[in-house]
Protein backbone atom coordinates (compact mmCIF):
# COMPACT_ATOMS: atom_id res chain seq x y z
CA UNK A 1 1.94 5.61 -17.99
CA UNK A 2 -0.05 8.64 -16.79
CA UNK A 3 -3.80 8.57 -16.28
CA UNK A 4 -5.90 9.49 -19.33
CA UNK A 5 -9.54 9.01 -20.22
CA UNK A 6 -12.01 9.60 -23.00
CA UNK A 7 -15.77 9.55 -23.47
CA UNK A 8 -17.14 6.56 -25.38
CA UNK A 9 -20.84 7.52 -25.20
CA UNK A 10 -22.43 10.82 -24.22
CA UNK A 11 -25.97 11.94 -23.36
CA UNK A 12 -25.07 15.30 -24.91
CA UNK A 13 -24.29 13.60 -28.22
CA UNK A 14 -27.53 11.57 -28.44
CA UNK A 15 -26.57 8.46 -26.49
CA UNK A 16 -28.97 7.03 -23.90
CA UNK A 17 -26.15 6.83 -21.33
CA UNK A 18 -22.75 8.21 -20.35
CA UNK A 19 -19.75 5.94 -20.71
CA UNK A 20 -15.99 6.42 -20.66
CA UNK A 21 -12.77 4.44 -20.70
CA UNK A 22 -9.38 5.13 -19.14
CA UNK A 23 -5.77 3.99 -19.28
CA UNK A 24 -3.09 4.19 -16.59
CA UNK A 25 -0.21 2.30 -15.08
CA UNK A 26 -1.28 -0.32 -12.53
CA UNK A 27 1.25 1.43 -10.24
CA UNK A 28 -0.35 4.87 -10.42
CA UNK A 29 -1.92 6.27 -7.27
CA UNK A 30 -2.69 3.99 -4.34
CA UNK A 31 -2.04 0.41 -5.37
CA UNK A 32 -1.11 -3.06 -4.13
CA UNK A 33 1.89 -4.74 -5.68
CA UNK A 34 1.56 -8.42 -6.49
CA UNK A 35 4.55 -10.77 -6.09
CA UNK A 36 4.67 -11.03 -9.92
CA UNK A 37 5.89 -7.41 -9.93
CA UNK A 38 9.37 -8.66 -8.98
CA UNK A 39 9.25 -12.47 -9.28
CA UNK A 40 8.62 -14.27 -12.58
CA UNK A 41 5.71 -16.70 -12.39
CA UNK A 42 4.60 -15.47 -8.96
CA UNK A 43 1.05 -14.59 -7.86
CA UNK A 44 -0.65 -11.81 -9.82
CA UNK A 45 -3.06 -9.05 -8.79
CA UNK A 46 -6.04 -11.24 -9.59
CA UNK A 47 -5.00 -13.78 -6.97
CA UNK A 48 -4.06 -11.45 -4.10
CA UNK A 49 -5.72 -12.59 -0.86
CA UNK A 50 -7.95 -9.97 0.78
CA UNK A 51 -7.16 -10.67 4.46
CA UNK A 52 -3.82 -8.79 4.54
CA UNK A 53 -5.55 -5.66 3.22
CA UNK A 54 -8.32 -5.65 5.82
CA UNK A 55 -7.83 -5.30 9.58
CA UNK A 56 -5.97 -3.49 12.34
CA UNK A 57 -3.18 -1.20 11.10
CA UNK A 58 -0.82 1.33 12.61
CA UNK A 59 0.27 4.59 10.98
CA UNK A 60 3.81 5.55 11.99
CA UNK A 61 6.08 8.41 10.95
CA UNK A 62 9.27 7.09 9.35
CA UNK A 63 12.04 9.26 10.75
CA UNK A 64 14.65 11.31 8.96
CA UNK A 65 15.65 11.46 5.34
CA UNK A 66 16.99 8.77 3.06
CA UNK A 67 17.43 5.13 3.98
CA UNK A 68 16.11 3.95 7.35
CA UNK A 69 17.92 0.86 8.64
CA UNK A 70 16.59 -1.81 11.01
CA UNK A 71 17.94 -0.11 14.14
CA UNK A 72 16.27 3.20 13.21
CA UNK A 73 12.78 1.75 12.77
CA UNK A 74 10.27 3.40 15.09
CA UNK A 75 9.60 1.15 18.08
CA UNK A 76 5.84 1.23 17.50
CA UNK A 77 6.07 -0.49 14.13
CA UNK A 78 7.54 -3.81 15.23
CA UNK A 79 5.14 -6.65 15.97
CA UNK A 80 2.27 -4.92 14.15
CA UNK A 81 0.59 -6.93 11.37
CA UNK A 82 -0.17 -3.94 9.13
CA UNK A 83 2.19 -0.96 9.25
CA UNK A 84 1.70 2.20 7.19
CA UNK A 85 4.61 4.63 6.98
CA UNK A 86 4.17 8.39 6.66
CA UNK A 87 7.38 9.48 4.99
CA UNK A 88 6.44 12.75 3.35
CA UNK A 89 8.55 11.45 0.47
CA UNK A 90 11.71 11.89 2.55
CA UNK A 91 12.51 8.40 3.85
CA UNK A 92 12.50 4.81 2.64
CA UNK A 93 13.27 1.42 4.14
CA UNK A 94 16.62 -0.33 3.89
CA UNK A 95 16.33 -3.98 2.78
CA UNK A 96 17.39 -5.18 6.26
CA UNK A 97 14.67 -3.02 7.84
CA UNK A 98 12.17 -4.81 5.60
CA UNK A 99 13.50 -8.16 6.82
CA UNK A 100 13.12 -7.04 10.45
CA UNK A 101 9.47 -6.06 9.85
CA UNK A 102 8.76 -9.45 8.25
CA UNK A 103 10.51 -11.31 11.07
CA UNK A 104 8.43 -9.39 13.63
CA UNK A 105 5.11 -10.41 12.11
CA UNK A 106 4.22 -7.81 9.48
CA UNK A 107 1.80 -9.12 6.86
CA UNK A 108 1.43 -5.77 5.06
CA UNK A 109 3.66 -2.71 4.75
CA UNK A 110 2.37 0.50 3.23
CA UNK A 111 3.89 3.85 2.36
CA UNK A 112 2.76 7.26 1.22
CA UNK A 113 5.62 7.23 -1.30
CA UNK A 114 5.15 6.04 -4.88
CA UNK A 115 7.40 3.07 -4.04
CA UNK A 116 8.67 1.33 -0.90
CA UNK A 117 12.11 1.45 -2.59
CA UNK A 118 14.00 4.63 -3.46
CA UNK A 119 13.28 6.03 -6.93
CA UNK A 120 16.72 5.01 -8.25
CA UNK A 121 16.54 1.36 -7.07
CA UNK A 122 16.48 -0.60 -10.32
CA UNK A 123 16.33 -4.06 -8.70
CA UNK A 124 13.70 -3.11 -6.05
CA UNK A 125 15.42 -4.85 -3.10
CA UNK A 126 12.80 -3.87 -0.48
CA UNK A 127 10.01 -5.18 -2.73
CA UNK A 128 11.93 -8.45 -3.05
CA UNK A 129 12.62 -8.71 0.69
CA UNK A 130 8.97 -8.16 1.65
CA UNK A 131 7.09 -9.92 -1.16
CA UNK A 132 9.55 -12.82 -1.00
CA UNK A 133 8.60 -13.30 2.67
CA UNK A 134 4.85 -13.14 2.07
CA UNK A 135 4.47 -9.51 3.19
CA UNK A 136 2.09 -7.56 0.96
CA UNK A 137 2.65 -3.97 -0.19
CA UNK A 138 0.53 -0.84 -0.44
CA UNK A 139 2.11 2.15 -2.15
CA UNK A 140 0.99 5.67 -2.93
CA UNK A 141 -1.20 6.03 0.17
CA UNK A 142 -2.50 9.51 0.99
CA UNK A 143 -1.57 9.81 4.67
CA UNK A 144 -1.08 13.59 4.62
CA UNK A 145 -4.04 14.31 6.93
CA UNK A 146 -3.72 11.11 8.97
CA UNK A 147 -2.32 11.23 12.50
CA UNK A 148 -0.04 8.43 13.69
CA UNK A 149 -1.95 5.79 15.61
CA UNK A 150 -4.11 2.70 15.36
CA UNK A 151 -6.78 2.27 12.72
CA UNK A 152 -8.82 -0.33 10.90
CA UNK A 153 -7.58 -0.59 7.32
CA UNK A 154 -9.88 -1.35 4.41
CA UNK A 155 -7.82 -1.41 1.19
CA UNK A 156 -9.10 -4.05 -1.18
CA UNK A 157 -7.14 -4.46 -4.43
CA UNK A 158 -9.15 -4.83 -7.61
CA UNK A 159 -8.93 -8.44 -8.88
CA UNK A 160 -7.35 -7.57 -12.23
CA UNK A 161 -6.25 -10.94 -13.57
CA UNK A 162 -2.61 -11.24 -14.58
CA UNK A 163 -1.54 -7.68 -13.75
CA UNK A 164 1.48 -7.09 -11.49
CA UNK A 165 -0.36 -4.49 -9.36
CA UNK A 166 -3.92 -3.36 -8.70
CA UNK A 167 -5.54 -0.02 -7.86
CA UNK A 168 -6.84 0.26 -4.29
CA UNK A 169 -9.25 2.59 -2.52
CA UNK A 170 -7.72 2.71 0.96
CA UNK A 171 -9.78 3.79 3.96
CA UNK A 172 -8.58 4.13 7.55
CA UNK A 173 -11.14 4.00 10.37
CA UNK A 174 -9.89 5.31 13.71
CA UNK A 175 -9.78 2.61 16.40
CA UNK A 176 -10.71 3.59 19.97
CA UNK A 177 -7.97 3.09 22.59
CA UNK A 178 -7.98 -0.40 24.15
CA UNK A 179 -10.59 -0.78 26.91
CA UNK A 180 -12.54 2.32 25.85
CA UNK A 181 -16.10 1.80 24.70
CA UNK A 182 -17.53 3.72 21.79
CA UNK A 183 -21.00 5.27 21.75
CA UNK A 184 -23.76 2.90 20.70
CA UNK A 185 -22.04 -0.23 22.00
């Protein structure tokens, strides 16, 4: 469902305040998928823990076009708790690549694509591989002006009850290289 909105009260029409309402898919724009997106009876957006969405993260370019298998994963993404892939809409993970990330300690995987799976994947195998192993998902990230490297991620999902996904405002704060002090410290 595309984003739409309407005014419900307007100062220009005699109201004492401005007010509006909107409708959209929970999967529009940057969002966190809950396990209930692919597993019946699983945790919903309202019960997502915050810790996976807050902390050190690494932005990595996902190479090539099409499906990226486990042996083609960039070396810098393994063993990182939060990995964010810049794909430019050209590449997506193979299910076995998702398993490798989970086995190597990922707690969150993000992508600048609308989905971590290819657009024609009806059964969402990468979603199932990651969410089924306790790895949380961020999709629809705007990484277009973000350089690869280490950051602090702040991407808290809205606690929207029984929904299968939640909108997120994602912010990346550049981390200084290890051992380098920042001004004011």
